[in-house]
Protein backbone atom coordinates (compact mmCIF):
# COMPACT_ATOMS: atom_id res chain seq x y z
CA MET A 1 46.35 15.66 34.10
CA VAL A 2 42.79 15.34 33.00
CA ALA A 3 40.35 12.78 34.64
CA ILE A 4 38.80 10.59 32.90
CA ASN A 5 35.58 8.96 34.09
CA PRO A 6 35.02 5.14 33.67
CA ILE A 7 32.34 4.73 31.36
CA SER A 8 29.14 1.99 31.72
CA GLU A 9 28.26 -1.18 30.01
CA ASP A 10 24.89 0.95 29.04
CA GLN A 11 26.79 3.84 27.73
CA VAL A 12 28.88 1.81 25.78
CA MET A 13 25.79 0.03 24.05
CA MET A 14 24.50 3.73 22.89
CA LEU A 15 27.59 4.52 21.06
CA HIS A 16 28.51 3.54 17.52
CA PRO A 17 28.72 -0.09 17.09
CA ALA A 18 31.86 -0.28 15.71
CA ILE A 19 33.36 1.75 18.75
CA VAL A 20 31.55 -1.00 20.36
CA VAL A 21 33.03 -3.50 18.71
CA LEU A 22 36.36 -2.14 19.40
CA TRP A 23 35.68 -1.64 23.64
CA SER A 24 34.50 -5.40 23.16
CA ILE A 25 37.98 -6.73 21.77
CA ALA A 26 39.69 -4.99 24.88
CA SER A 27 37.82 -6.30 27.52
CA PRO A 28 36.33 -10.13 28.16
CA PHE A 29 33.58 -9.25 29.89
CA ALA A 30 32.60 -6.63 27.35
CA ALA A 31 32.80 -9.38 24.52
CA VAL A 32 30.21 -11.44 26.91
CA LEU A 33 27.70 -8.39 27.35
CA VAL A 34 27.59 -6.85 23.74
CA ALA A 35 26.65 -11.21 23.10
CA ALA A 36 24.14 -10.68 25.38
CA HIS A 37 22.73 -7.74 24.33
CA ALA A 38 22.57 -9.04 20.64
CA ILE A 39 20.84 -12.29 21.67
CA VAL A 40 18.02 -10.05 23.53
CA ALA A 41 17.72 -7.92 20.30
CA CYS A 42 16.94 -11.26 18.43
CA THR A 43 14.27 -12.47 20.75
CA VAL A 44 12.77 -9.59 21.30
CA THR A 45 11.06 -9.16 17.74
CA PRO A 46 9.59 -12.80 17.86
CA ALA A 47 8.20 -12.40 21.81
CA LEU A 48 6.41 -9.28 20.50
CA ALA A 49 4.99 -11.04 17.45
CA GLN A 50 3.54 -13.40 20.16
CA THR A 51 1.81 -11.22 22.33
CA TYR A 52 0.46 -9.37 19.35
CA PRO A 53 -2.33 -7.62 19.58
CA THR A 54 -3.50 -6.39 22.78
CA ARG A 55 -5.91 -3.94 21.95
CA PRO A 56 -8.12 -3.36 18.93
CA VAL A 57 -6.53 -3.25 15.54
CA VAL A 58 -7.87 -0.12 13.36
CA ILE A 59 -8.06 -1.53 9.41
CA VAL A 60 -8.68 2.18 7.61
CA VAL A 61 -10.89 1.92 4.23
CA PRO A 62 -10.22 4.77 2.35
CA PHE A 63 -13.68 4.92 0.28
CA ALA A 64 -17.27 5.35 2.05
CA ALA A 65 -18.85 2.61 4.06
CA GLY A 66 -20.94 0.13 1.67
CA GLY A 67 -18.55 0.00 -1.72
CA GLY A 68 -16.61 -3.08 -2.76
CA ASN A 69 -13.83 -1.95 -0.56
CA ASP A 70 -15.63 -1.63 2.71
CA VAL A 71 -17.21 -5.04 2.57
CA LEU A 72 -13.85 -6.81 1.59
CA ALA A 73 -12.00 -5.27 4.50
CA ARG A 74 -15.42 -5.94 7.16
CA LEU A 75 -14.93 -9.59 6.31
CA LEU A 76 -11.75 -9.74 6.92
CA ALA A 77 -11.79 -8.02 10.00
CA GLN A 78 -14.18 -10.67 11.17
CA ARG A 79 -12.00 -13.43 10.35
CA MET A 80 -8.93 -12.39 11.54
CA GLY A 81 -10.27 -10.21 14.88
CA ALA A 82 -11.36 -13.95 15.87
CA ALA A 83 -8.50 -15.36 15.00
CA LEU A 84 -6.05 -12.69 16.90
CA GLY A 85 -8.63 -12.73 20.09
CA GLN A 86 -9.28 -8.95 19.35
CA GLN A 87 -11.67 -7.05 17.64
CA PHE A 88 -10.64 -5.06 14.36
CA VAL A 89 -12.42 -2.15 14.03
CA ILE A 90 -13.16 -0.57 10.53
CA GLU A 91 -12.56 3.05 9.98
CA ASN A 92 -13.67 4.60 6.51
CA ARG A 93 -12.14 7.59 5.52
CA PRO A 94 -13.17 8.41 2.19
CA GLY A 95 -11.67 11.56 -0.10
CA ALA A 96 -9.58 12.48 -2.94
CA GLY A 97 -9.36 9.43 -4.61
CA GLY A 98 -8.41 6.95 -1.80
CA THR A 99 -5.72 9.20 -0.58
CA LEU A 100 -7.13 10.77 2.67
CA GLY A 101 -7.46 7.47 4.24
CA ALA A 102 -4.16 6.37 2.83
CA ARG A 103 -2.16 9.24 3.87
CA ALA A 104 -2.91 8.87 7.31
CA VAL A 105 -1.99 5.39 7.73
CA ALA A 106 1.40 5.68 6.00
CA LYS A 107 1.76 8.88 8.77
CA ALA A 108 0.33 6.14 11.59
CA ALA A 109 2.83 4.77 14.41
CA PRO A 110 3.84 1.46 12.67
CA ASP A 111 2.80 -0.75 15.52
CA GLY A 112 0.48 -2.74 13.74
CA TYR A 113 -2.43 -1.41 15.30
CA THR A 114 -3.56 0.67 12.27
CA LEU A 115 -3.36 -1.19 8.88
CA MET A 116 -6.08 -0.13 5.47
CA VAL A 117 -7.23 -2.58 2.84
CA GLY A 118 -6.62 -0.59 -0.69
CA HIS A 119 -6.83 -1.37 -4.03
CA SER A 120 -5.16 -0.57 -7.23
CA GLY A 121 -6.71 2.84 -7.49
CA VAL A 122 -5.13 3.92 -3.86
CA PHE A 123 -1.96 1.94 -5.06
CA GLY A 124 -1.45 2.20 -8.72
CA ILE A 125 -3.45 5.49 -10.03
CA ALA A 126 -4.43 8.06 -7.27
CA PRO A 127 0.08 8.50 -6.90
CA SER A 128 0.27 9.58 -10.45
CA LEU A 129 -3.21 11.79 -10.26
CA TYR A 130 -2.75 13.79 -7.73
CA ALA A 131 0.05 16.43 -7.41
CA ASN A 132 0.39 15.43 -4.07
CA PRO A 133 -1.23 12.39 -2.88
CA GLY A 134 1.11 12.68 0.71
CA TYR A 135 2.00 9.19 0.42
CA ASP A 136 4.87 7.20 -1.79
CA PRO A 137 2.99 3.72 -2.12
CA ARG A 138 6.62 1.83 -2.77
CA LYS A 139 8.46 3.78 0.35
CA ASP A 140 5.35 4.45 2.98
CA PHE A 141 3.84 1.30 3.26
CA ALA A 142 4.60 -2.50 4.54
CA PRO A 143 3.00 -4.52 2.45
CA ILE A 144 0.98 -7.64 4.31
CA GLY A 145 -0.37 -9.62 1.54
CA LEU A 146 -2.83 -9.41 -1.81
CA ILE A 147 -6.61 -10.16 -1.35
CA GLY A 148 -8.00 -10.56 -4.32
CA SER A 149 -8.30 -9.47 -8.28
CA TYR A 150 -11.73 -8.23 -9.75
CA GLN A 151 -12.04 -7.98 -12.79
CA GLN A 152 -14.90 -5.47 -14.43
CA VAL A 153 -17.36 -5.97 -17.34
CA LEU A 154 -17.34 -3.73 -20.88
CA VAL A 155 -21.39 -2.83 -21.28
CA VAL A 156 -23.57 -1.14 -23.38
CA HIS A 157 -27.54 0.30 -23.46
CA PRO A 158 -29.21 -1.79 -25.93
CA SER A 159 -30.09 1.03 -27.87
CA LEU A 160 -26.21 1.36 -29.20
CA PRO A 161 -26.08 -1.00 -32.19
CA VAL A 162 -23.20 -2.70 -30.27
CA ARG A 163 -23.11 -7.03 -29.63
CA THR A 164 -19.27 -7.42 -30.24
CA VAL A 165 -16.25 -5.62 -29.22
CA ALA A 166 -14.95 -5.51 -33.00
CA ASP A 167 -18.93 -3.97 -33.03
CA LEU A 168 -17.91 -1.41 -30.86
CA ILE A 169 -14.43 -0.41 -32.61
CA ALA A 170 -15.77 -0.29 -35.98
CA LEU A 171 -18.47 2.05 -34.81
CA ALA A 172 -16.19 4.08 -33.06
CA LYS A 173 -14.08 4.67 -35.73
CA LYS A 174 -16.98 5.47 -37.57
CA GLU A 175 -18.02 8.28 -35.35
CA PRO A 176 -14.85 9.58 -33.23
CA GLY A 177 -16.23 10.87 -29.92
CA ARG A 178 -20.17 10.16 -30.69
CA ILE A 179 -19.99 7.18 -27.91
CA THR A 180 -20.02 8.27 -24.24
CA TYR A 181 -18.76 6.27 -21.71
CA ALA A 182 -20.00 6.28 -17.65
CA THR A 183 -17.00 6.43 -14.95
CA ALA A 184 -17.18 6.68 -10.76
CA GLY A 185 -15.08 9.76 -11.95
CA ILE A 186 -11.99 11.01 -13.09
CA GLY A 187 -9.67 9.27 -12.37
CA SER A 188 -11.51 6.15 -10.87
CA GLY A 189 -10.62 2.37 -11.94
CA SER A 190 -13.83 2.75 -14.94
CA HIS A 191 -12.44 5.66 -15.79
CA LEU A 192 -8.35 4.33 -16.55
CA SER A 193 -9.97 0.73 -17.60
CA THR A 194 -11.65 2.66 -20.39
CA GLU A 195 -9.22 5.09 -21.65
CA LEU A 196 -7.01 1.74 -21.44
CA PHE A 197 -9.42 0.20 -23.96
CA ALA A 198 -9.89 2.93 -26.04
CA ALA A 199 -5.45 3.77 -26.15
CA MET A 200 -5.16 -0.01 -27.46
CA ALA A 201 -8.01 -0.09 -29.92
CA ASP A 202 -7.32 3.16 -30.85
CA VAL A 203 -10.56 5.16 -30.97
CA LYS A 204 -12.04 8.11 -29.44
CA LEU A 205 -14.59 8.13 -26.86
CA THR A 206 -16.30 10.93 -25.05
CA HIS A 207 -15.85 10.69 -20.94
CA VAL A 208 -18.96 11.42 -18.61
CA PRO A 209 -17.99 11.18 -15.78
CA TYR A 210 -20.62 10.87 -12.16
CA ARG A 211 -19.76 10.99 -8.47
CA GLY A 212 -20.33 7.48 -7.73
CA THR A 213 -21.27 4.60 -8.73
CA GLY A 214 -25.44 5.33 -7.97
CA ALA A 215 -26.08 8.00 -10.24
CA MET A 216 -23.85 6.68 -12.90
CA GLN A 217 -25.38 3.21 -13.07
CA ALA A 218 -29.15 4.48 -13.48
CA ASP A 219 -28.01 7.06 -15.97
CA LEU A 220 -26.42 4.02 -17.31
CA ALA A 221 -29.58 1.54 -17.34
CA GLY A 222 -31.12 4.71 -18.70
CA GLY A 223 -29.66 5.39 -21.89
CA HIS A 224 -28.18 8.61 -20.96
CA VAL A 225 -25.08 7.15 -21.24
CA ALA A 226 -24.15 4.37 -24.21
CA MET A 227 -21.49 2.16 -22.14
CA SER A 228 -19.16 1.53 -19.27
CA ILE A 229 -16.50 -0.53 -18.55
CA THR A 230 -17.18 -1.17 -14.71
CA THR A 231 -17.52 -3.75 -11.64
CA LEU A 232 -19.56 -6.75 -12.21
CA PRO A 233 -21.65 -7.00 -8.94
CA SER A 234 -22.54 -3.04 -9.64
CA VAL A 235 -24.15 -4.07 -13.48
CA ILE A 236 -24.83 -7.74 -13.24
CA SER A 237 -28.75 -7.57 -11.91
CA ALA A 238 -29.19 -4.77 -15.09
CA VAL A 239 -27.22 -7.27 -17.10
CA ARG A 240 -29.41 -10.06 -16.07
CA GLY A 241 -32.39 -7.94 -16.39
CA SER A 242 -31.60 -7.15 -20.06
CA LEU A 243 -31.59 -3.10 -18.98
CA LEU A 244 -27.76 -3.36 -20.02
CA ARG A 245 -25.86 -5.76 -22.61
CA ALA A 246 -22.59 -7.36 -21.78
CA VAL A 247 -20.27 -7.59 -23.92
CA ALA A 248 -16.89 -8.84 -22.44
CA VAL A 249 -14.89 -8.90 -19.53
CA THR A 250 -11.45 -7.39 -19.01
CA ASP A 251 -9.39 -9.72 -17.25
CA ALA A 252 -6.88 -12.35 -19.52
CA VAL A 253 -9.39 -15.51 -18.81
CA ARG A 254 -13.23 -15.40 -18.54
CA SER A 255 -15.50 -14.87 -15.44
CA PRO A 256 -17.13 -18.02 -13.90
CA MET A 257 -20.09 -15.07 -13.46
CA LEU A 258 -20.35 -14.87 -17.35
CA PRO A 259 -18.72 -17.39 -18.88
CA GLU A 260 -20.22 -17.21 -21.83
CA LEU A 261 -18.67 -13.71 -22.18
CA PRO A 262 -15.05 -13.17 -23.95
CA THR A 263 -12.58 -11.20 -22.91
CA VAL A 264 -11.91 -8.14 -24.15
CA ALA A 265 -8.36 -9.36 -25.47
CA GLU A 266 -9.67 -12.01 -27.04
CA ALA A 267 -12.32 -10.67 -28.75
CA GLY A 268 -10.31 -8.01 -30.31
CA VAL A 269 -7.93 -6.14 -28.60
CA PRO A 270 -4.57 -8.46 -27.80
CA GLY A 271 -3.11 -8.17 -24.77
CA TYR A 272 -5.65 -5.62 -22.78
CA ALA A 273 -6.14 -6.45 -19.53
CA ALA A 274 -8.01 -4.04 -16.72
CA VAL A 275 -8.14 -5.61 -13.00
CA ILE A 276 -8.60 -4.20 -9.96
CA HIS A 277 -6.02 -5.97 -7.23
CA TYR A 278 -6.86 -5.30 -3.79
CA GLY A 279 -4.29 -5.87 -0.95
CA MET A 280 -3.78 -4.81 2.66
CA VAL A 281 -0.90 -2.94 4.28
CA ALA A 282 0.70 -1.26 7.07
CA PRO A 283 2.51 1.48 7.83
CA GLY A 284 6.38 1.85 6.67
CA GLY A 285 8.48 0.34 9.49
CA THR A 286 6.34 -2.06 10.52
CA ASP A 287 7.97 -4.62 12.89
CA ARG A 288 8.80 -7.68 10.35
CA ALA A 289 7.36 -9.94 12.68
CA ILE A 290 3.96 -8.75 12.95
CA VAL A 291 3.84 -7.82 9.40
CA ASN A 292 4.19 -11.86 8.84
CA ARG A 293 1.79 -12.49 11.80
CA LEU A 294 -1.21 -10.38 9.80
CA ASN A 295 0.14 -12.30 6.68
CA ALA A 296 -0.10 -15.84 8.10
CA GLU A 297 -3.62 -14.52 9.28
CA LEU A 298 -4.92 -13.32 6.30
CA ARG A 299 -3.85 -16.05 4.15
CA ALA A 300 -5.73 -18.48 6.69
CA ALA A 301 -9.04 -15.70 6.02
CA LEU A 302 -8.72 -16.27 2.33
CA ALA A 303 -8.31 -20.03 2.84
CA SER A 304 -11.22 -20.35 4.21
CA GLU A 305 -14.88 -21.34 1.89
CA GLU A 306 -16.96 -18.35 3.45
CA VAL A 307 -14.29 -16.02 2.42
CA ARG A 308 -13.59 -17.57 -1.03
CA ALA A 309 -17.40 -17.64 -1.82
CA ARG A 310 -17.92 -14.26 -0.97
CA ILE A 311 -15.10 -13.04 -2.95
CA ALA A 312 -16.42 -15.31 -5.92
CA ASP A 313 -19.90 -14.12 -5.53
CA GLU A 314 -18.55 -9.91 -5.81
CA GLY A 315 -16.72 -10.98 -9.08
CA GLY A 316 -13.51 -11.86 -7.97
CA ASP A 317 -10.68 -14.09 -7.44
CA PRO A 318 -8.82 -14.66 -3.98
CA LEU A 319 -4.79 -13.97 -4.00
CA SER A 320 -3.16 -14.99 -1.81
CA GLY A 321 1.28 -14.69 -1.31
CA THR A 322 4.18 -13.30 1.01
CA PRO A 323 4.33 -9.82 1.71
CA GLU A 324 7.48 -9.14 -1.29
CA GLN A 325 4.53 -10.35 -3.42
CA GLN A 326 2.11 -7.94 -2.82
CA ALA A 327 5.02 -5.05 -2.88
CA ALA A 328 5.86 -6.32 -6.51
CA ASP A 329 2.38 -6.02 -7.26
CA ILE A 330 1.82 -2.53 -6.05
CA ASP A 331 5.29 -1.37 -8.23
CA ALA A 332 3.64 -3.26 -11.38
CA GLU A 333 0.64 -1.20 -10.99
CA GLU A 334 2.01 1.79 -10.14
CA ALA A 335 4.05 1.78 -13.31
CA LYS A 336 1.26 0.54 -15.50
CA TRP A 337 -1.62 2.81 -14.51
CA GLY A 338 0.74 5.79 -13.53
CA ALA A 339 2.20 5.87 -17.59
CA LEU A 340 -1.46 5.95 -18.56
CA VAL A 341 -2.17 8.80 -16.41
CA LYS A 342 0.79 10.63 -17.37
CA LYS A 343 0.56 10.00 -20.97
CA LEU A 344 -2.78 11.13 -21.05
CA GLY A 345 -2.29 13.98 -19.15
CA ILE A 346 -5.13 13.32 -16.17
CA LYS A 347 -5.20 15.35 -13.58
CA ALA A 348 -8.04 15.08 -10.12
CA GLU A 349 -10.35 17.63 -10.30
């Protein structure tokens, strides 16, 4: 006869759930034990969120220091760190259109101690622009919440005989390819926004990519390139100093910074909208209780007058909401920009 050693309660808990259920039916004591384990499992997650964080939290910015993404992340880090009683440390990891930093976050431990503030370029453009970005924005991140929506502005050098969107379209149709446009690089928000404009207006423009916004702004103001669709803060001084002429803004509504300017949609390209959305994410698989805690503090920060005023100064509108709303936004951004990248056959250098 074969001797069978009795199985311990702890061993049972490691078996397949169906076996656990059968064992609990056979033993009244076992049923109590199973119920106790279930109660513990339900209480561990809230308790974890209550004690989180117990050490500094890193917010990865997948771009260089000093840019809009970096400024926004530092503002939120200060507010959220003060609220949660731990330091929120900014770590800049630029490169490859933001994919290097995003990839690192996607592969980080899902414990709530590595986060990322990113935008439409990281979540919507790069996954289609790069053959192997190293992450899937839909699967590899746990959305925490949206932060803000930043519209752009269509500007031209004063030497170009253009004062309206209709003027620009007419000139571009008359002389296809003559008008040059500056961007912060292939696959950047300014690049895709301008290509979207050209596609919807059915015109041909010539792309002049730069490595970042500094040289682009200098050449634009100097008249070496004719136009650009770029962020408001990067050109507002040149516009107010008459070095550049603002023609229209890219959101569906007018900008409080330049309320006299029409939107591109109302000025001649119906349905056009090109805004940059910013959001905060954690690695996929992060405990939902931690995600909820971070979402609550993010929303509290976005409700403060200081943060709202700073976002407005940068030409943005604060956004707030649930992790599910950010997940839907990431999905929509990737669908919109990814389709454009594929349609135009744009590839990263």
